[in-house]
Amino acid sequence: MGLAMMVASEIVRAKGHPNVTAKHKTTMEITKDYDLTVRGDCIIGVNADKAALDLSSKFKEALRLPGNLLYVVLESGGFREHLIAHCSRDIVATDPRRIIIRRSNFIEPATIGVYATKAAGDLDRRLINSLKSSDAVLTVRLYVLRLDDVEPVNA
C-alpha cells in the first residue's frame, strides 16, 4: 500500500519579473497580472495562465477535503522547490486573478492551501533569482494527495 494517492492535479505556468523579491514570510502568490511592484513581495510569478477560479472543479473539490494535502512543485531556470500545504473545507478558489498558498489558516477566494511548509521568503534564492527575468518561465505543478489509506508503521 502506498503512502499517498494523487486525486487531482493542475499545472500553472507564469512568467518572471524584474521586481520579484519573494521576501514574504507567510504567503506565496502567483498572479495573472502583468506588472509587479516591489511591494508585492509574496508574488513569485506574473502573467499566469490560471488563477484559482480557473482550476478544474475536480481539483477544487479535492482541495475542500480536509484530510487531503496539496503538494506543490515549483520549477524555473533549472531549479526546483517543493512544499506541502493542507487542504480545508473552507477553500472556495474563486479568485479570477490570483493563486495564494499560506503558512497561516487564513482563507479568502485566492487561497488554495493553508499551513504551508514554505512561503515566498523560504524559497531557494537561486530559484527566485532565476525569476527576476521577464523571460523566465515558472512551472507550478499542483497535486492533491489523499492520505486516508495510510496505515501506521509498527516501530
Protein backbone atom coordinates (compact mmCIF):
# COMPACT_ATOMS: atom_id res chain seq x y z
CA MET A 1 0.00 0.00 0.00
CA GLY A 2 1.41 3.43 -0.95
CA LEU A 3 1.77 6.35 1.38
CA ALA A 4 -0.44 8.66 -0.67
CA MET A 5 -2.74 8.60 -3.66
CA MET A 6 -2.97 11.52 -6.08
CA VAL A 7 -6.59 12.52 -6.56
CA ALA A 8 -6.22 15.64 -8.73
CA SER A 9 -3.54 17.72 -10.40
CA GLU A 10 -3.06 21.01 -12.24
CA ILE A 11 -0.19 22.77 -13.98
CA VAL A 12 0.07 26.55 -13.88
CA ARG A 13 2.60 28.49 -15.92
CA ALA A 14 3.68 32.04 -15.10
CA LYS A 15 6.45 34.44 -16.08
CA GLY A 16 9.20 36.04 -14.10
CA HIS A 17 9.52 39.79 -13.49
CA PRO A 18 12.47 42.04 -12.54
CA ASN A 19 10.64 43.07 -9.33
CA VAL A 20 10.28 39.51 -7.94
CA THR A 21 11.74 39.65 -4.42
CA ALA A 22 9.87 36.77 -2.74
CA LYS A 23 10.58 38.00 0.79
CA HIS A 24 7.15 37.43 2.35
CA LYS A 25 7.22 35.24 5.44
CA THR A 26 3.65 33.89 5.36
CA THR A 27 2.35 33.76 1.78
CA MET A 28 3.27 32.86 -1.78
CA GLU A 29 1.30 34.22 -4.73
CA ILE A 30 1.07 33.69 -8.47
CA THR A 31 -0.95 36.27 -10.39
CA LYS A 32 -2.43 36.81 -13.83
CA ASP A 33 -1.41 40.47 -13.57
CA TYR A 34 1.35 41.53 -15.98
CA ASP A 35 3.09 44.03 -13.73
CA LEU A 36 4.60 43.81 -10.27
CA THR A 37 5.82 46.46 -7.86
CA VAL A 38 8.46 45.75 -5.21
CA ARG A 39 5.67 45.96 -2.62
CA GLY A 40 4.35 42.62 -3.97
CA ASP A 41 6.94 40.67 -2.01
CA CYS A 42 4.84 37.48 -1.87
CA ILE A 43 4.50 37.23 -5.67
CA ILE A 44 6.75 34.72 -7.40
CA GLY A 45 5.17 34.75 -10.88
CA VAL A 46 3.13 37.08 -13.09
CA ASN A 47 1.11 36.70 -16.29
CA ALA A 48 -0.09 33.28 -15.09
CA ASP A 49 -2.22 31.16 -17.37
CA LYS A 50 -4.54 30.23 -14.47
CA ALA A 51 -5.95 31.74 -11.29
CA ALA A 52 -7.85 29.98 -8.52
CA LEU A 53 -11.11 30.37 -10.48
CA ASP A 54 -9.62 28.55 -13.50
CA LEU A 55 -8.71 25.37 -11.61
CA SER A 56 -10.88 22.37 -12.51
CA SER A 57 -13.93 21.55 -10.41
CA LYS A 58 -12.40 18.15 -9.60
CA PHE A 59 -9.25 19.86 -8.29
CA LYS A 60 -11.27 22.37 -6.21
CA GLU A 61 -13.40 19.58 -4.73
CA ALA A 62 -10.23 17.72 -3.74
CA LEU A 63 -8.89 20.93 -2.09
CA ARG A 64 -12.02 21.04 0.09
CA LEU A 65 -11.42 17.64 1.70
CA PRO A 66 -9.63 18.37 5.00
CA GLY A 67 -7.77 15.04 5.05
CA ASN A 68 -6.04 15.88 1.76
CA LEU A 69 -2.69 17.60 1.26
CA LEU A 70 -1.57 19.95 -1.51
CA TYR A 71 1.89 19.08 -2.84
CA VAL A 72 3.48 21.89 -4.85
CA VAL A 73 6.49 21.71 -7.17
CA LEU A 74 7.96 25.00 -8.45
CA GLU A 75 10.42 24.90 -11.37
CA SER A 76 12.34 27.65 -13.15
CA GLY A 77 15.84 28.17 -14.51
CA GLY A 78 16.86 24.59 -13.80
CA PHE A 79 15.94 24.92 -10.10
CA ARG A 80 13.16 23.06 -8.30
CA GLU A 81 11.45 23.66 -4.96
CA HIS A 82 8.84 21.56 -3.13
CA LEU A 83 6.33 22.39 -0.43
CA ILE A 84 3.26 20.92 1.21
CA ALA A 85 0.08 22.67 2.38
CA HIS A 86 -3.13 21.48 3.98
CA CYS A 87 -6.49 21.45 2.28
CA SER A 88 -9.61 22.79 4.02
CA ARG A 89 -13.36 22.54 3.61
CA ASP A 90 -13.45 26.38 3.63
CA ILE A 91 -11.42 26.78 0.42
CA VAL A 92 -13.54 28.31 -2.35
CA ALA A 93 -10.85 29.02 -5.00
CA THR A 94 -12.89 31.62 -6.90
CA ASP A 95 -10.40 34.47 -7.33
CA PRO A 96 -10.16 35.42 -11.04
CA ARG A 97 -6.58 36.80 -10.83
CA ARG A 98 -4.54 35.06 -8.14
CA ILE A 99 -3.49 31.80 -6.50
CA ILE A 100 -2.21 32.03 -2.92
CA ILE A 101 -0.66 29.44 -0.62
CA ARG A 102 -0.36 30.44 3.05
CA ARG A 103 1.53 29.41 6.18
CA SER A 104 -1.48 30.56 8.23
CA ASN A 105 -5.04 29.26 8.24
CA PHE A 106 -6.48 32.46 6.68
CA ILE A 107 -8.70 31.66 3.70
CA GLU A 108 -10.07 34.04 1.07
CA PRO A 109 -11.05 33.42 -2.59
CA ALA A 110 -7.44 33.10 -3.88
CA THR A 111 -6.28 30.68 -1.17
CA ILE A 112 -5.72 27.08 -2.29
CA GLY A 113 -3.64 25.79 0.65
CA VAL A 114 -3.05 26.62 4.31
CA TYR A 115 -0.45 25.72 6.96
CA ALA A 116 2.16 25.51 4.18
CA THR A 117 5.67 24.32 4.91
CA LYS A 118 7.10 27.29 2.99
CA ALA A 119 6.21 30.83 1.98
CA ALA A 120 7.86 33.02 -0.68
CA GLY A 121 10.64 34.06 1.72
CA ASP A 122 11.62 30.43 2.34
CA LEU A 123 12.24 29.53 -1.29
CA ASP A 124 15.69 28.75 -2.67
CA ARG A 125 17.25 32.08 -3.68
CA ARG A 126 18.65 30.51 -6.86
CA LEU A 127 15.07 29.79 -7.98
CA ILE A 128 13.98 33.32 -7.03
CA ASN A 129 16.96 34.90 -8.83
CA SER A 130 16.02 32.98 -11.97
CA LEU A 131 12.54 34.55 -11.72
CA LYS A 132 13.93 38.12 -11.83
CA SER A 133 13.93 37.95 -15.64
CA SER A 134 10.78 38.69 -17.64
CA ASP A 135 11.88 35.85 -19.96
CA ALA A 136 11.79 33.31 -17.13
CA VAL A 137 9.04 30.70 -17.10
CA LEU A 138 7.74 29.38 -13.78
CA THR A 139 6.04 25.99 -13.90
CA VAL A 140 3.86 25.25 -10.88
CA ARG A 141 2.76 21.64 -10.53
CA LEU A 142 -0.09 21.19 -8.06
CA TYR A 143 -1.04 17.75 -6.75
CA VAL A 144 -3.79 16.96 -4.24
CA LEU A 145 -2.88 13.84 -2.30
CA ARG A 146 -5.16 11.71 -0.17
CA LEU A 147 -3.53 10.18 2.89
CA ASP A 148 -6.63 8.44 4.27
CA ASP A 149 -5.35 4.98 3.41
CA VAL A 150 -2.01 5.26 5.18
CA GLU A 151 -1.56 2.52 7.75
CA PRO A 152 0.58 3.13 10.84
CA VAL A 153 4.02 1.55 10.80
CA ASN A 154 4.85 -0.52 13.85
CA ALA A 155 8.14 0.53 15.41
